[in-house]
Amino acid sequence: MQGILGKLQAAGGNLVAISPQRAEHSQGQIDKHKLGFDILSDHGNTVAARFGLRFVLPDDLRGAYLNFGIDLAKHNGEPSWTLAMPARFLVDRQGIVRAADVDPDYTRRPEPDKTLADLAALT
């Protein structure tokens, strides 16, 4: 998404990411990847839950994550071991969701150009 940020902004859009990670972990990602957009913290995945996107990692996946050195409880600052399905929402200035892309398979995400096309369709 960083790659289309300029086009998105030129079309009148803004990009904000939401993550269950603690703010310092998100800031590390912003710095490391030189992101030009904010990452908001969704403690406990409460916003994701309100959108029906939160799920609890099963025990076997918890073990796999820990074997890779990923401790979600530590990174997220709470013990729920939940993640959110990747999703993109196009929200207008009145707070109305105008387009949404969600897939429970994190490997299948919409192309960034689709987000630009969705934005263009609104104007």
PDB file of N, CA and C in Angstrom:
ATOM      1  N   MET A   1       0.816  -1.189   0.000  1.00  0.00           N
ATOM      2  CA  MET A   1       0.000   0.000   0.000  1.00  0.00           C
ATOM      3  C   MET A   1       0.865   1.260   0.000  1.00  0.00           C
ATOM      4  N   GLN A   2       2.033   1.157   0.594  1.00  0.00           N
ATOM      5  CA  GLN A   2       2.934   2.305   0.573  1.00  0.00           C
ATOM      6  C   GLN A   2       3.207   2.744  -0.864  1.00  0.00           C
ATOM      7  N   GLY A   3       3.274   1.785  -1.774  1.00  0.00           N
ATOM      8  CA  GLY A   3       3.587   2.088  -3.167  1.00  0.00           C
ATOM      9  C   GLY A   3       2.535   2.928  -3.876  1.00  0.00           C
ATOM     10  N   ILE A   4       1.295   2.889  -3.403  1.00  0.00           N
ATOM     11  CA  ILE A   4       0.244   3.683  -4.046  1.00  0.00           C
ATOM     12  C   ILE A   4      -0.174   4.879  -3.199  1.00  0.00           C
ATOM     13  N   LEU A   5       0.514   5.112  -2.104  1.00  0.00           N
ATOM     14  CA  LEU A   5       0.101   6.170  -1.182  1.00  0.00           C
ATOM     15  C   LEU A   5      -0.019   7.521  -1.879  1.00  0.00           C
ATOM     16  N   GLY A   6       0.949   7.874  -2.708  1.00  0.00           N
ATOM     17  CA  GLY A   6       0.893   9.156  -3.418  1.00  0.00           C
ATOM     18  C   GLY A   6      -0.337   9.254  -4.312  1.00  0.00           C
ATOM     19  N   LYS A   7      -0.630   8.204  -5.051  1.00  0.00           N
ATOM     20  CA  LYS A   7      -1.808   8.202  -5.936  1.00  0.00           C
ATOM     21  C   LYS A   7      -3.091   8.271  -5.114  1.00  0.00           C
ATOM     22  N   LEU A   8      -3.098   7.551  -4.013  1.00  0.00           N
ATOM     23  CA  LEU A   8      -4.271   7.539  -3.139  1.00  0.00           C
ATOM     24  C   LEU A   8      -4.542   8.945  -2.602  1.00  0.00           C
ATOM     25  N   GLN A   9      -3.487   9.609  -2.136  1.00  0.00           N
ATOM     26  CA  GLN A   9      -3.635  10.961  -1.611  1.00  0.00           C
ATOM     27  C   GLN A   9      -3.998  11.953  -2.706  1.00  0.00           C
ATOM     28  N   ALA A  10      -3.432  11.774  -3.900  1.00  0.00           N
ATOM     29  CA  ALA A  10      -3.755  12.667  -5.015  1.00  0.00           C
ATOM     30  C   ALA A  10      -5.229  12.560  -5.407  1.00  0.00           C
ATOM     31  N   ALA A  11      -5.818  11.387  -5.171  1.00  0.00           N
ATOM     32  CA  ALA A  11      -7.233  11.171  -5.475  1.00  0.00           C
ATOM     33  C   ALA A  11      -8.136  11.592  -4.324  1.00  0.00           C
ATOM     34  N   GLY A  12      -7.526  12.165  -3.279  1.00  0.00           N
ATOM     35  CA  GLY A  12      -8.316  12.650  -2.155  1.00  0.00           C
ATOM     36  C   GLY A  12      -8.465  11.661  -1.012  1.00  0.00           C
ATOM     37  N   GLY A  13      -7.747  10.553  -1.084  1.00  0.00           N
ATOM     38  CA  GLY A  13      -7.850   9.542  -0.042  1.00  0.00           C
ATOM     39  C   GLY A  13      -6.764   9.661   1.007  1.00  0.00           C
ATOM     40  N   ASN A  14      -6.913   8.894   2.039  1.00  0.00           N
ATOM     41  CA  ASN A  14      -5.948   8.819   3.113  1.00  0.00           C
ATOM     42  C   ASN A  14      -5.859   7.352   3.520  1.00  0.00           C
ATOM     43  N   LEU A  15      -4.715   6.947   3.999  1.00  0.00           N
ATOM     44  CA  LEU A  15      -4.504   5.552   4.380  1.00  0.00           C
ATOM     45  C   LEU A  15      -4.168   5.470   5.863  1.00  0.00           C
ATOM     46  N   VAL A  16      -4.862   4.591   6.559  1.00  0.00           N
ATOM     47  CA  VAL A  16      -4.597   4.316   7.963  1.00  0.00           C
ATOM     48  C   VAL A  16      -4.665   2.806   8.127  1.00  0.00           C
ATOM     49  N   ALA A  17      -3.684   2.245   8.795  1.00  0.00           N
ATOM     50  CA  ALA A  17      -3.703   0.816   9.104  1.00  0.00           C
ATOM     51  C   ALA A  17      -4.100   0.645  10.570  1.00  0.00           C
ATOM     52  N   ILE A  18      -4.689  -0.492  10.868  1.00  0.00           N
ATOM     53  CA  ILE A  18      -5.075  -0.813  12.240  1.00  0.00           C
ATOM     54  C   ILE A  18      -4.458  -2.154  12.579  1.00  0.00           C
ATOM     55  N   SER A  19      -3.802  -2.220  13.731  1.00  0.00           N
ATOM     56  CA  SER A  19      -3.095  -3.429  14.143  1.00  0.00           C
ATOM     57  C   SER A  19      -3.302  -3.669  15.633  1.00  0.00           C
ATOM     58  N   PRO A  20      -3.354  -4.939  16.041  1.00  0.00           N
ATOM     59  CA  PRO A  20      -3.443  -5.215  17.475  1.00  0.00           C
ATOM     60  C   PRO A  20      -2.109  -5.048  18.199  1.00  0.00           C
ATOM     61  N   GLN A  21      -1.034  -4.814  17.454  1.00  0.00           N
ATOM     62  CA  GLN A  21       0.283  -4.658  18.079  1.00  0.00           C
ATOM     63  C   GLN A  21       0.315  -3.426  18.980  1.00  0.00           C
ATOM     64  N   ARG A  22       1.149  -3.511  20.002  1.00  0.00           N
ATOM     65  CA  ARG A  22       1.383  -2.331  20.824  1.00  0.00           C
ATOM     66  C   ARG A  22       2.017  -1.253  19.948  1.00  0.00           C
ATOM     67  N   ALA A  23       1.808  -0.011  20.325  1.00  0.00           N
ATOM     68  CA  ALA A  23       2.240   1.124  19.502  1.00  0.00           C
ATOM     69  C   ALA A  23       3.728   1.088  19.192  1.00  0.00           C
ATOM     70  N   GLU A  24       4.567   0.680  20.152  1.00  0.00           N
ATOM     71  CA  GLU A  24       6.011   0.671  19.889  1.00  0.00           C
ATOM     72  C   GLU A  24       6.395  -0.351  18.824  1.00  0.00           C
ATOM     73  N   HIS A  25       5.658  -1.452  18.729  1.00  0.00           N
ATOM     74  CA  HIS A  25       5.946  -2.427  17.676  1.00  0.00           C
ATOM     75  C   HIS A  25       5.522  -1.883  16.307  1.00  0.00           C
ATOM     76  N   SER A  26       4.372  -1.210  16.287  1.00  0.00           N
ATOM     77  CA  SER A  26       3.932  -0.603  15.028  1.00  0.00           C
ATOM     78  C   SER A  26       4.889   0.492  14.593  1.00  0.00           C
ATOM     79  N   GLN A  27       5.375   1.290  15.537  1.00  0.00           N
ATOM     80  CA  GLN A  27       6.320   2.349  15.196  1.00  0.00           C
ATOM     81  C   GLN A  27       7.589   1.758  14.599  1.00  0.00           C
ATOM     82  N   GLY A  28       8.005   0.609  15.116  1.00  0.00           N
ATOM     83  CA  GLY A  28       9.168  -0.074  14.546  1.00  0.00           C
ATOM     84  C   GLY A  28       8.939  -0.436  13.088  1.00  0.00           C
ATOM     85  N   GLN A  29       7.715  -0.867  12.747  1.00  0.00           N
ATOM     86  CA  GLN A  29       7.385  -1.193  11.358  1.00  0.00           C
ATOM     87  C   GLN A  29       7.379   0.071  10.489  1.00  0.00           C
ATOM     88  N   ILE A  30       6.831   1.146  11.038  1.00  0.00           N
ATOM     89  CA  ILE A  30       6.800   2.416  10.303  1.00  0.00           C
ATOM     90  C   ILE A  30       8.220   2.866   9.986  1.00  0.00           C
ATOM     91  N   ASP A  31       9.093   2.803  10.986  1.00  0.00           N
ATOM     92  CA  ASP A  31      10.480   3.226  10.798  1.00  0.00           C
ATOM     93  C   ASP A  31      11.227   2.296   9.840  1.00  0.00           C
ATOM     94  N   LYS A  32      11.095   1.001  10.052  1.00  0.00           N
ATOM     95  CA  LYS A  32      11.824   0.012   9.248  1.00  0.00           C
ATOM     96  C   LYS A  32      11.462   0.092   7.764  1.00  0.00           C
ATOM     97  N   HIS A  33      10.164   0.234   7.491  1.00  0.00           N
ATOM     98  CA  HIS A  33       9.701   0.216   6.100  1.00  0.00           C
ATOM     99  C   HIS A  33       9.438   1.614   5.545  1.00  0.00           C
ATOM    100  N   LYS A  34       9.774   2.639   6.353  1.00  0.00           N
ATOM    101  CA  LYS A  34       9.595   4.037   5.934  1.00  0.00           C
ATOM    102  C   LYS A  34       8.163   4.302   5.439  1.00  0.00           C
ATOM    103  N   LEU A  35       7.207   3.891   6.266  1.00  0.00           N
ATOM    104  CA  LEU A  35       5.801   4.042   5.902  1.00  0.00           C
ATOM    105  C   LEU A  35       5.358   5.487   6.052  1.00  0.00           C
ATOM    106  N   GLY A  36       4.574   5.943   5.127  1.00  0.00           N
ATOM    107  CA  GLY A  36       4.065   7.312   5.144  1.00  0.00           C
ATOM    108  C   GLY A  36       2.641   7.404   5.647  1.00  0.00           C
ATOM    109  N   PHE A  37       2.198   6.409   6.393  1.00  0.00           N
ATOM    110  CA  PHE A  37       0.847   6.429   6.945  1.00  0.00           C
ATOM    111  C   PHE A  37       0.897   5.931   8.382  1.00  0.00           C
ATOM    112  N   ASP A  38      -0.153   6.248   9.116  1.00  0.00           N
ATOM    113  CA  ASP A  38      -0.228   5.870  10.522  1.00  0.00           C
ATOM    114  C   ASP A  38      -0.709   4.435  10.681  1.00  0.00           C
ATOM    115  N   ILE A  39      -0.283   3.818  11.770  1.00  0.00           N
ATOM    116  CA  ILE A  39      -0.811   2.523  12.178  1.00  0.00           C
ATOM    117  C   ILE A  39      -1.438   2.725  13.550  1.00  0.00           C
ATOM    118  N   LEU A  40      -2.743   2.570  13.617  1.00  0.00           N
ATOM    119  CA  LEU A  40      -3.458   2.723  14.875  1.00  0.00           C
ATOM    120  C   LEU A  40      -3.451   1.403  15.631  1.00  0.00           C
ATOM    121  N   SER A  41      -3.484   1.484  16.944  1.00  0.00           N
ATOM    122  CA  SER A  41      -3.436   0.293  17.780  1.00  0.00           C
ATOM    123  C   SER A  41      -4.844  -0.117  18.194  1.00  0.00           C
ATOM    124  N   ASP A  42      -5.193  -1.365  17.925  1.00  0.00           N
ATOM    125  CA  ASP A  42      -6.494  -1.939  18.281  1.00  0.00           C
ATOM    126  C   ASP A  42      -6.272  -2.952  19.398  1.00  0.00           C
ATOM    127  N   HIS A  43      -6.142  -2.460  20.614  1.00  0.00           N
ATOM    128  CA  HIS A  43      -5.840  -3.317  21.764  1.00  0.00           C
ATOM    129  C   HIS A  43      -6.918  -4.396  21.916  1.00  0.00           C
ATOM    130  N   GLY A  44      -6.450  -5.646  21.929  1.00  0.00           N
ATOM    131  CA  GLY A  44      -7.366  -6.774  22.076  1.00  0.00           C
ATOM    132  C   GLY A  44      -8.179  -7.082  20.831  1.00  0.00           C
ATOM    133  N   ASN A  45      -7.846  -6.424  19.726  1.00  0.00           N
ATOM    134  CA  ASN A  45      -8.599  -6.614  18.488  1.00  0.00           C
ATOM    135  C   ASN A  45     -10.082  -6.298  18.667  1.00  0.00           C
ATOM    136  N   THR A  46     -10.379  -5.298  19.505  1.00  0.00           N
ATOM    137  CA  THR A  46     -11.782  -4.981  19.776  1.00  0.00           C
ATOM    138  C   THR A  46     -12.503  -4.402  18.557  1.00  0.00           C
ATOM    139  N   VAL A  47     -11.814  -3.567  17.789  1.00  0.00           N
ATOM    140  CA  VAL A  47     -12.433  -3.035  16.559  1.00  0.00           C
ATOM    141  C   VAL A  47     -12.636  -4.170  15.562  1.00  0.00           C
ATOM    142  N   ALA A  48     -11.621  -5.017  15.422  1.00  0.00           N
ATOM    143  CA  ALA A  48     -11.745  -6.174  14.518  1.00  0.00           C
ATOM    144  C   ALA A  48     -12.934  -7.036  14.928  1.00  0.00           C
ATOM    145  N   ALA A  49     -13.130  -7.227  16.226  1.00  0.00           N
ATOM    146  CA  ALA A  49     -14.260  -8.033  16.713  1.00  0.00           C
ATOM    147  C   ALA A  49     -15.592  -7.389  16.325  1.00  0.00           C
ATOM    148  N   ARG A  50     -15.659  -6.065  16.414  1.00  0.00           N
ATOM    149  CA  ARG A  50     -16.914  -5.372  16.061  1.00  0.00           C
ATOM    150  C   ARG A  50     -17.242  -5.526  14.582  1.00  0.00           C
ATOM    151  N   PHE A  51     -16.204  -5.725  13.762  1.00  0.00           N
ATOM    152  CA  PHE A  51     -16.417  -5.958  12.332  1.00  0.00           C
ATOM    153  C   PHE A  51     -16.552  -7.449  12.021  1.00  0.00           C
ATOM    154  N   GLY A  52     -16.483  -8.295  13.038  1.00  0.00           N
ATOM    155  CA  GLY A  52     -16.586  -9.739  12.826  1.00  0.00           C
ATOM    156  C   GLY A  52     -15.341 -10.350  12.217  1.00  0.00           C
ATOM    157  N   LEU A  53     -14.184  -9.719  12.439  1.00  0.00           N
ATOM    158  CA  LEU A  53     -12.948 -10.152  11.790  1.00  0.00           C
ATOM    159  C   LEU A  53     -11.951 -10.807  12.739  1.00  0.00           C
ATOM    160  N   ARG A  54     -12.221 -10.830  14.034  1.00  0.00           N
ATOM    161  CA  ARG A  54     -11.273 -11.369  15.013  1.00  0.00           C
ATOM    162  C   ARG A  54     -11.461 -12.875  15.153  1.00  0.00           C
ATOM    163  N   PHE A  55     -10.309 -13.573  15.259  1.00  0.00           N
ATOM    164  CA  PHE A  55     -10.361 -15.007  15.533  1.00  0.00           C
ATOM    165  C   PHE A  55      -9.238 -15.375  16.488  1.00  0.00           C
ATOM    166  N   VAL A  56      -9.459 -16.431  17.258  1.00  0.00           N
ATOM    167  CA  VAL A  56      -8.474 -16.916  18.214  1.00  0.00           C
ATOM    168  C   VAL A  56      -7.596 -17.941  17.513  1.00  0.00           C
ATOM    169  N   LEU A  57      -6.294 -17.810  17.661  1.00  0.00           N
ATOM    170  CA  LEU A  57      -5.378 -18.793  17.081  1.00  0.00           C
ATOM    171  C   LEU A  57      -5.508 -20.116  17.826  1.00  0.00           C
ATOM    172  N   PRO A  58      -5.665 -21.223  17.096  1.00  0.00           N
ATOM    173  CA  PRO A  58      -5.716 -22.525  17.759  1.00  0.00           C
ATOM    174  C   PRO A  58      -4.352 -22.871  18.351  1.00  0.00           C
ATOM    175  N   ASP A  59      -4.364 -23.801  19.300  1.00  0.00           N
ATOM    176  CA  ASP A  59      -3.145 -24.151  20.038  1.00  0.00           C
ATOM    177  C   ASP A  59      -1.987 -24.547  19.130  1.00  0.00           C
ATOM    178  N   ASP A  60      -2.271 -25.311  18.048  1.00  0.00           N
ATOM    179  CA  ASP A  60      -1.174 -25.741  17.179  1.00  0.00           C
ATOM    180  C   ASP A  60      -0.512 -24.551  16.485  1.00  0.00           C
ATOM    181  N   LEU A  61      -1.310 -23.540  16.116  1.00  0.00           N
ATOM    182  CA  LEU A  61      -0.723 -22.345  15.494  1.00  0.00           C
ATOM    183  C   LEU A  61       0.007 -21.485  16.521  1.00  0.00           C
ATOM    184  N   ARG A  62      -0.489 -21.470  17.745  1.00  0.00           N
ATOM    185  CA  ARG A  62       0.242 -20.748  18.796  1.00  0.00           C
ATOM    186  C   ARG A  62       1.645 -21.318  18.926  1.00  0.00           C
ATOM    187  N   GLY A  63       1.712 -22.651  18.953  1.00  0.00           N
ATOM    188  CA  GLY A  63       3.020 -23.304  19.058  1.00  0.00           C
ATOM    189  C   GLY A  63       3.917 -22.961  17.888  1.00  0.00           C
ATOM    190  N   ALA A  64       3.343 -22.960  16.686  1.00  0.00           N
ATOM    191  CA  ALA A  64       4.129 -22.628  15.496  1.00  0.00           C
ATOM    192  C   ALA A  64       4.643 -21.188  15.580  1.00  0.00           C
ATOM    193  N   TYR A  65       3.782 -20.273  15.976  1.00  0.00           N
ATOM    194  CA  TYR A  65       4.201 -18.876  16.119  1.00  0.00           C
ATOM    195  C   TYR A  65       5.341 -18.770  17.126  1.00  0.00           C
ATOM    196  N   LEU A  66       5.179 -19.424  18.267  1.00  0.00           N
ATOM    197  CA  LEU A  66       6.222 -19.357  19.295  1.00  0.00           C
ATOM    198  C   LEU A  66       7.526 -19.969  18.806  1.00  0.00           C
ATOM    199  N   ASN A  67       7.438 -21.047  18.013  1.00  0.00           N
ATOM    200  CA  ASN A  67       8.650 -21.658  17.446  1.00  0.00           C
ATOM    201  C   ASN A  67       9.380 -20.707  16.505  1.00  0.00           C
ATOM    202  N   PHE A  68       8.633 -19.789  15.888  1.00  0.00           N
ATOM    203  CA  PHE A  68       9.245 -18.780  15.009  1.00  0.00           C
ATOM    204  C   PHE A  68       9.627 -17.518  15.781  1.00  0.00           C
ATOM    205  N   GLY A  69       9.453 -17.552  17.094  1.00  0.00           N
ATOM    206  CA  GLY A  69       9.816 -16.401  17.916  1.00  0.00           C
ATOM    207  C   GLY A  69       8.774 -15.305  17.938  1.00  0.00           C
ATOM    208  N   ILE A  70       7.549 -15.632  17.560  1.00  0.00           N
ATOM    209  CA  ILE A  70       6.475 -14.637  17.538  1.00  0.00           C
ATOM    210  C   ILE A  70       5.544 -14.910  18.713  1.00  0.00           C
ATOM    211  N   ASP A  71       5.602 -14.033  19.690  1.00  0.00           N
ATOM    212  CA  ASP A  71       4.759 -14.142  20.877  1.00  0.00           C
ATOM    213  C   ASP A  71       3.699 -13.050  20.802  1.00  0.00           C
ATOM    214  N   LEU A  72       2.515 -13.416  20.304  1.00  0.00           N
ATOM    215  CA  LEU A  72       1.464 -12.413  20.123  1.00  0.00           C
ATOM    216  C   LEU A  72       1.061 -11.740  21.427  1.00  0.00           C
ATOM    217  N   ALA A  73       1.053 -12.505  22.507  1.00  0.00           N
ATOM    218  CA  ALA A  73       0.688 -11.901  23.794  1.00  0.00           C
ATOM    219  C   ALA A  73       1.660 -10.775  24.139  1.00  0.00           C
ATOM    220  N   LYS A  74       2.915 -10.976  23.870  1.00  0.00           N
ATOM    221  CA  LYS A  74       3.932  -9.949  24.149  1.00  0.00           C
ATOM    222  C   LYS A  74       3.804  -8.772  23.172  1.00  0.00           C
ATOM    223  N   HIS A  75       3.712  -9.075  21.892  1.00  0.00           N
ATOM    224  CA  HIS A  75       3.628  -8.011  20.875  1.00  0.00           C
ATOM    225  C   HIS A  75       2.356  -7.189  21.000  1.00  0.00           C
ATOM    226  N   ASN A  76       1.260  -7.869  21.368  1.00  0.00           N
ATOM    227  CA  ASN A  76      -0.022  -7.176  21.428  1.00  0.00           C
ATOM    228  C   ASN A  76      -0.338  -6.627  22.819  1.00  0.00           C
ATOM    229  N   GLY A  77       0.456  -7.019  23.816  1.00  0.00           N
ATOM    230  CA  GLY A  77       0.254  -6.501  25.161  1.00  0.00           C
ATOM    231  C   GLY A  77      -0.987  -7.009  25.855  1.00  0.00           C
ATOM    232  N   GLU A  78      -1.464  -8.165  25.449  1.00  0.00           N
ATOM    233  CA  GLU A  78      -2.624  -8.778  26.100  1.00  0.00           C
ATOM    234  C   GLU A  78      -2.648 -10.262  25.708  1.00  0.00           C
ATOM    235  N   PRO A  79      -3.267 -11.120  26.526  1.00  0.00           N
ATOM    236  CA  PRO A  79      -3.092 -12.562  26.384  1.00  0.00           C
ATOM    237  C   PRO A  79      -4.083 -13.307  25.487  1.00  0.00           C
ATOM    238  N   SER A  80      -4.868 -12.633  24.673  1.00  0.00           N
ATOM    239  CA  SER A  80      -5.954 -13.327  23.970  1.00  0.00           C
ATOM    240  C   SER A  80      -5.510 -14.227  22.811  1.00  0.00           C
ATOM    241  N   TRP A  81      -4.309 -13.999  22.284  1.00  0.00           N
ATOM    242  CA  TRP A  81      -3.848 -14.741  21.111  1.00  0.00           C
ATOM    243  C   TRP A  81      -4.885 -14.690  19.980  1.00  0.00           C
ATOM    244  N   THR A  82      -5.325 -13.476  19.678  1.00  0.00           N
ATOM    245  CA  THR A  82      -6.260 -13.272  18.579  1.00  0.00           C
ATOM    246  C   THR A  82      -5.573 -12.509  17.450  1.00  0.00           C
ATOM    247  N   LEU A  83      -6.068 -12.723  16.269  1.00  0.00           N
ATOM    248  CA  LEU A  83      -5.656 -11.972  15.088  1.00  0.00           C
ATOM    249  C   LEU A  83      -6.905 -11.495  14.376  1.00  0.00           C
ATOM    250  N   ALA A  84      -6.720 -10.550  13.490  1.00  0.00           N
ATOM    251  CA  ALA A  84      -7.810 -10.076  12.643  1.00  0.00           C
ATOM    252  C   ALA A  84      -7.570 -10.556  11.224  1.00  0.00           C
ATOM    253  N   MET A  85      -8.653 -10.902  10.541  1.00  0.00           N
ATOM    254  CA  MET A  85      -8.528 -11.205   9.119  1.00  0.00           C
ATOM    255  C   MET A  85      -8.095  -9.929   8.405  1.00  0.00           C
ATOM    256  N   PRO A  86      -7.178 -10.042   7.447  1.00  0.00           N
ATOM    257  CA  PRO A  86      -6.792  -8.846   6.685  1.00  0.00           C
ATOM    258  C   PRO A  86      -8.012  -8.275   5.960  1.00  0.00           C
ATOM    259  N   ALA A  87      -8.180  -6.997   6.057  1.00  0.00           N
ATOM    260  CA  ALA A  87      -9.330  -6.347   5.427  1.00  0.00           C
ATOM    261  C   ALA A  87      -8.947  -4.940   5.003  1.00  0.00           C
ATOM    262  N   ARG A  88      -9.625  -4.472   3.970  1.00  0.00           N
ATOM    263  CA  ARG A  88      -9.499  -3.080   3.533  1.00  0.00           C
ATOM    264  C   ARG A  88     -10.891  -2.507   3.442  1.00  0.00           C
ATOM    265  N   PHE A  89     -11.036  -1.335   4.031  1.00  0.00           N
ATOM    266  CA  PHE A  89     -12.311  -0.637   3.979  1.00  0.00           C
ATOM    267  C   PHE A  89     -12.087   0.738   3.391  1.00  0.00           C
ATOM    268  N   LEU A  90     -12.950   1.122   2.495  1.00  0.00           N
ATOM    269  CA  LEU A  90     -12.952   2.469   1.947  1.00  0.00           C
ATOM    270  C   LEU A  90     -14.096   3.193   2.642  1.00  0.00           C
ATOM    271  N   VAL A  91     -13.741   4.174   3.461  1.00  0.00           N
ATOM    272  CA  VAL A  91     -14.712   4.875   4.296  1.00  0.00           C
ATOM    273  C   VAL A  91     -14.778   6.328   3.836  1.00  0.00           C
ATOM    274  N   ASP A  92     -16.006   6.814   3.632  1.00  0.00           N
ATOM    275  CA  ASP A  92     -16.117   8.203   3.170  1.00  0.00           C
ATOM    276  C   ASP A  92     -16.007   9.167   4.348  1.00  0.00           C
ATOM    277  N   ARG A  93     -16.075  10.446   4.056  1.00  0.00           N
ATOM    278  CA  ARG A  93     -15.885  11.469   5.086  1.00  0.00           C
ATOM    279  C   ARG A  93     -16.989  11.467   6.143  1.00  0.00           C
ATOM    280  N   GLN A  94     -18.117  10.850   5.835  1.00  0.00           N
ATOM    281  CA  GLN A  94     -19.204  10.752   6.805  1.00  0.00           C
ATOM    282  C   GLN A  94     -19.099   9.469   7.645  1.00  0.00           C
ATOM    283  N   GLY A  95     -18.054   8.664   7.406  1.00  0.00           N
ATOM    284  CA  GLY A  95     -17.857   7.444   8.177  1.00  0.00           C
ATOM    285  C   GLY A  95     -18.609   6.235   7.632  1.00  0.00           C
ATOM    286  N   ILE A  96     -19.103   6.333   6.412  1.00  0.00           N
ATOM    287  CA  ILE A  96     -19.846   5.230   5.795  1.00  0.00           C
ATOM    288  C   ILE A  96     -18.877   4.370   4.994  1.00  0.00           C
ATOM    289  N   VAL A  97     -18.914   3.062   5.222  1.00  0.00           N
ATOM    290  CA  VAL A  97     -18.075   2.133   4.476  1.00  0.00           C
ATOM    291  C   VAL A  97     -18.646   2.018   3.066  1.00  0.00           C
ATOM    292  N   ARG A  98     -17.849   2.394   2.077  1.00  0.00           N
ATOM    293  CA  ARG A  98     -18.284   2.390   0.681  1.00  0.00           C
ATOM    294  C   ARG A  98     -17.765   1.181  -0.103  1.00  0.00           C
ATOM    295  N   ALA A  99     -16.699   0.567   0.370  1.00  0.00           N
ATOM    296  CA  ALA A  99     -16.156  -0.638  -0.273  1.00  0.00           C
ATOM    297  C   ALA A  99     -15.410  -1.428   0.792  1.00  0.00           C
ATOM    298  N   ALA A 100     -15.445  -2.747   0.655  1.00  0.00           N
ATOM    299  CA  ALA A 100     -14.750  -3.603   1.618  1.00  0.00           C
ATOM    300  C   ALA A 100     -14.184  -4.819   0.902  1.00  0.00           C
ATOM    301  N   ASP A 101     -13.001  -5.206   1.315  1.00  0.00           N
ATOM    302  CA  ASP A 101     -12.362  -6.423   0.824  1.00  0.00           C
ATOM    303  C   ASP A 101     -11.850  -7.177   2.042  1.00  0.00           C
ATOM    304  N   VAL A 102     -12.363  -8.385   2.243  1.00  0.00           N
ATOM    305  CA  VAL A 102     -11.967  -9.221   3.369  1.00  0.00           C
ATOM    306  C   VAL A 102     -11.824 -10.643   2.870  1.00  0.00           C
ATOM    307  N   ASP A 103     -10.775 -11.312   3.295  1.00  0.00           N
ATOM    308  CA  ASP A 103     -10.593 -12.721   2.966  1.00  0.00           C
ATOM    309  C   ASP A 103      -9.950 -13.387   4.169  1.00  0.00           C
ATOM    310  N   PRO A 104     -10.547 -14.469   4.676  1.00  0.00           N
ATOM    311  CA  PRO A 104      -9.944 -15.143   5.825  1.00  0.00           C
ATOM    312  C   PRO A 104      -8.576 -15.740   5.535  1.00  0.00           C
ATOM    313  N   ASP A 105      -8.245 -15.913   4.268  1.00  0.00           N
ATOM    314  CA  ASP A 105      -6.930 -16.419   3.886  1.00  0.00           C
ATOM    315  C   ASP A 105      -5.991 -15.228   3.724  1.00  0.00           C
ATOM    316  N   TYR A 106      -5.083 -15.052   4.695  1.00  0.00           N
ATOM    317  CA  TYR A 106      -4.214 -13.875   4.698  1.00  0.00           C
ATOM    318  C   TYR A 106      -3.312 -13.793   3.465  1.00  0.00           C
ATOM    319  N   THR A 107      -3.178 -14.887   2.705  1.00  0.00           N
ATOM    320  CA  THR A 107      -2.327 -14.853   1.514  1.00  0.00           C
ATOM    321  C   THR A 107      -3.059 -14.252   0.312  1.00  0.00           C
ATOM    322  N   ARG A 108      -4.366 -14.082   0.434  1.00  0.00           N
ATOM    323  CA  ARG A 108      -5.150 -13.518  -0.675  1.00  0.00           C
ATOM    324  C   ARG A 108      -5.646 -12.134  -0.281  1.00  0.00           C
ATOM    325  N   ARG A 109      -4.926 -11.142  -0.748  1.00  0.00           N
ATOM    326  CA  ARG A 109      -5.297  -9.759  -0.465  1.00  0.00           C
ATOM    327  C   ARG A 109      -5.544  -9.040  -1.778  1.00  0.00           C
ATOM    328  N   PRO A 110      -6.439  -8.072  -1.778  1.00  0.00           N
ATOM    329  CA  PRO A 110      -6.684  -7.344  -3.028  1.00  0.00           C
ATOM    330  C   PRO A 110      -5.451  -6.562  -3.439  1.00  0.00           C
ATOM    331  N   GLU A 111      -5.276  -6.452  -4.703  1.00  0.00           N
ATOM    332  CA  GLU A 111      -4.180  -5.651  -5.229  1.00  0.00           C
ATOM    333  C   GLU A 111      -4.391  -4.188  -4.840  1.00  0.00           C
ATOM    334  N   PRO A 112      -3.322  -3.478  -4.536  1.00  0.00           N
ATOM    335  CA  PRO A 112      -3.473  -2.054  -4.192  1.00  0.00           C
ATOM    336  C   PRO A 112      -4.209  -1.257  -5.274  1.00  0.00           C
ATOM    337  N   ASP A 113      -4.024  -1.632  -6.527  1.00  0.00           N
ATOM    338  CA  ASP A 113      -4.716  -0.911  -7.602  1.00  0.00           C
ATOM    339  C   ASP A 113      -6.230  -1.036  -7.479  1.00  0.00           C
ATOM    340  N   LYS A 114      -6.718  -2.125  -6.879  1.00  0.00           N
ATOM    341  CA  LYS A 114      -8.159  -2.266  -6.665  1.00  0.00           C
ATOM    342  C   LYS A 114      -8.649  -1.199  -5.705  1.00  0.00           C
ATOM    343  N   THR A 115      -7.848  -0.896  -4.697  1.00  0.00           N
ATOM    344  CA  THR A 115      -8.218   0.167  -3.762  1.00  0.00           C
ATOM    345  C   THR A 115      -8.325   1.499  -4.500  1.00  0.00           C
ATOM    346  N   LEU A 116      -7.378   1.768  -5.390  1.00  0.00           N
ATOM    347  CA  LEU A 116      -7.452   3.003  -6.190  1.00  0.00           C
ATOM    348  C   LEU A 116      -8.689   3.006  -7.072  1.00  0.00           C
ATOM    349  N   ALA A 117      -9.008   1.871  -7.665  1.00  0.00           N
ATOM    350  CA  ALA A 117     -10.193   1.778  -8.529  1.00  0.00           C
ATOM    351  C   ALA A 117     -11.471   1.985  -7.696  1.00  0.00           C
ATOM    352  N   ASP A 118     -11.515   1.402  -6.518  1.00  0.00           N
ATOM    353  CA  ASP A 118     -12.683   1.608  -5.642  1.00  0.00           C
ATOM    354  C   ASP A 118     -12.839   3.079  -5.286  1.00  0.00           C
ATOM    355  N   LEU A 119     -11.731   3.750  -4.993  1.00  0.00           N
ATOM    356  CA  LEU A 119     -11.771   5.184  -4.676  1.00  0.00           C
ATOM    357  C   LEU A 119     -12.224   5.983  -5.883  1.00  0.00           C
ATOM    358  N   ALA A 120     -11.708   5.662  -7.036  1.00  0.00           N
ATOM    359  CA  ALA A 120     -12.080   6.380  -8.261  1.00  0.00           C
ATOM    360  C   ALA A 120     -13.583   6.219  -8.553  1.00  0.00           C
ATOM    361  N   ALA A 121     -14.131   5.044  -8.233  1.00  0.00           N
ATOM    362  CA  ALA A 121     -15.552   4.803  -8.480  1.00  0.00           C
ATOM    363  C   ALA A 121     -16.450   5.674  -7.608  1.00  0.00           C
ATOM    364  N   LEU A 122     -15.912   6.177  -6.521  1.00  0.00           N
ATOM    365  CA  LEU A 122     -16.706   7.029  -5.620  1.00  0.00           C
ATOM    366  C   LEU A 122     -16.727   8.477  -6.047  1.00  0.00           C
ATOM    367  N   THR A 123     -15.752   8.861  -6.877  1.00  0.00           N
ATOM    368  CA  THR A 123     -15.662  10.280  -7.237  1.00  0.00           C
ATOM    369  C   THR A 123     -16.234  10.555  -8.609  1.00  0.00           C
TER     370      THR A 123
END
